[in-house]
C-alpha atoms as a PDB file:
ATOM      1  CA  MET A   1       0.000   0.000   0.000  1.00  0.00           C
ATOM      2  CA  THR A   2       1.416   3.377  -0.968  1.00  0.00           C
ATOM      3  CA  THR A   3       1.623   6.378   1.328  1.00  0.00           C
ATOM      4  CA  ALA A   4      -1.132   8.123  -0.642  1.00  0.00           C
ATOM      5  CA  GLN A   5      -3.397   5.109  -0.183  1.00  0.00           C
ATOM      6  CA  LYS A   6      -2.717   5.061   3.566  1.00  0.00           C
ATOM      7  CA  VAL A   7      -3.563   8.761   3.856  1.00  0.00           C
ATOM      8  CA  ALA A   8      -6.755   8.303   1.834  1.00  0.00           C
ATOM      9  CA  ARG A   9      -7.806   5.337   3.968  1.00  0.00           C
ATOM     10  CA  ARG A  10      -7.244   7.321   7.194  1.00  0.00           C
ATOM     11  CA  LYS A  11      -9.304  10.236   5.870  1.00  0.00           C
ATOM     12  CA  LEU A  12     -12.100   7.918   4.819  1.00  0.00           C
ATOM     13  CA  SER A  13     -11.985   6.288   8.264  1.00  0.00           C
ATOM     14  CA  LEU A  14     -12.522   9.696   9.860  1.00  0.00           C
ATOM     15  CA  LEU A  15     -15.572  10.362   7.690  1.00  0.00           C
ATOM     16  CA  GLU A  16     -16.997   6.921   8.485  1.00  0.00           C
ATOM     17  CA  LEU A  17     -16.395   7.356  12.220  1.00  0.00           C
ATOM     18  CA  ALA A  18     -18.134  10.732  12.202  1.00  0.00           C
ATOM     19  CA  SER A  19     -21.089   9.148  10.445  1.00  0.00           C
ATOM     20  CA  ASP A  20     -21.218   6.219  12.889  1.00  0.00           C
ATOM     21  CA  LEU A  21     -20.930   8.430  15.974  1.00  0.00           C
ATOM     22  CA  GLY A  22     -23.168  11.168  14.631  1.00  0.00           C
ATOM     23  CA  ASN A  23     -20.722  13.654  16.155  1.00  0.00           C
ATOM     24  CA  VAL A  24     -18.017  15.339  14.081  1.00  0.00           C
ATOM     25  CA  SER A  25     -16.219  16.889  17.053  1.00  0.00           C
ATOM     26  CA  LYS A  26     -15.888  13.562  18.853  1.00  0.00           C
ATOM     27  CA  ALA A  27     -14.679  11.759  15.719  1.00  0.00           C
ATOM     28  CA  CYS A  28     -12.074  14.454  15.087  1.00  0.00           C
ATOM     29  CA  LYS A  29     -10.822  14.244  18.656  1.00  0.00           C
ATOM     30  CA  VAL A  30     -10.491  10.457  18.475  1.00  0.00           C
ATOM     31  CA  MET A  31      -8.658  10.544  15.118  1.00  0.00           C
ATOM     32  CA  GLY A  32      -6.489  13.586  15.883  1.00  0.00           C
ATOM     33  CA  TYR A  33      -7.876  15.963  13.262  1.00  0.00           C
ATOM     34  CA  SER A  34      -9.367  19.432  13.611  1.00  0.00           C
ATOM     35  CA  ARG A  35     -12.959  20.096  12.589  1.00  0.00           C
ATOM     36  CA  GLN A  36     -11.656  22.393   9.858  1.00  0.00           C
ATOM     37  CA  GLN A  37      -9.603  19.524   8.422  1.00  0.00           C
ATOM     38  CA  PHE A  38     -12.688  17.296   8.579  1.00  0.00           C
ATOM     39  CA  TYR A  39     -14.798  19.690   6.544  1.00  0.00           C
ATOM     40  CA  GLU A  40     -11.979  20.175   4.021  1.00  0.00           C
ATOM     41  CA  MET A  41     -11.732  16.391   3.628  1.00  0.00           C
ATOM     42  CA  ARG A  42     -15.473  16.038   3.302  1.00  0.00           C
ATOM     43  CA  GLY A  43     -15.399  18.549   0.463  1.00  0.00           C
ATOM     44  CA  THR A  44     -12.634  16.597  -1.278  1.00  0.00           C
ATOM     45  CA  ILE A  45     -13.979  13.087  -0.791  1.00  0.00           C
ATOM     46  CA  GLY A  46     -17.412  12.434  -2.248  1.00  0.00           C
ATOM     47  CA  PRO A  47     -20.267  10.680  -0.451  1.00  0.00           C
ATOM     48  CA  LEU A  48     -19.149   7.263  -1.724  1.00  0.00           C
ATOM     49  CA  GLY A  49     -15.517   7.711  -0.736  1.00  0.00           C
ATOM     50  CA  ARG A  50     -14.350   8.757  -4.178  1.00  0.00           C
ATOM     51  CA  THR A  51     -12.124  11.753  -4.728  1.00  0.00           C
ATOM     52  CA  ALA A  52     -13.847  14.695  -6.355  1.00  0.00           C
END
């Protein structure tokens, strides 16, 4: 697995965790991201986990 794939998987994991928890702030805290980073990622990664 390449570094880019690892980064993409981690970002997707954050989005999935936020969805499962129903709480963006808590998911960000658990994964070590800021809420701003979360919303930037969400804008980049589509609803099905594909890059825009």
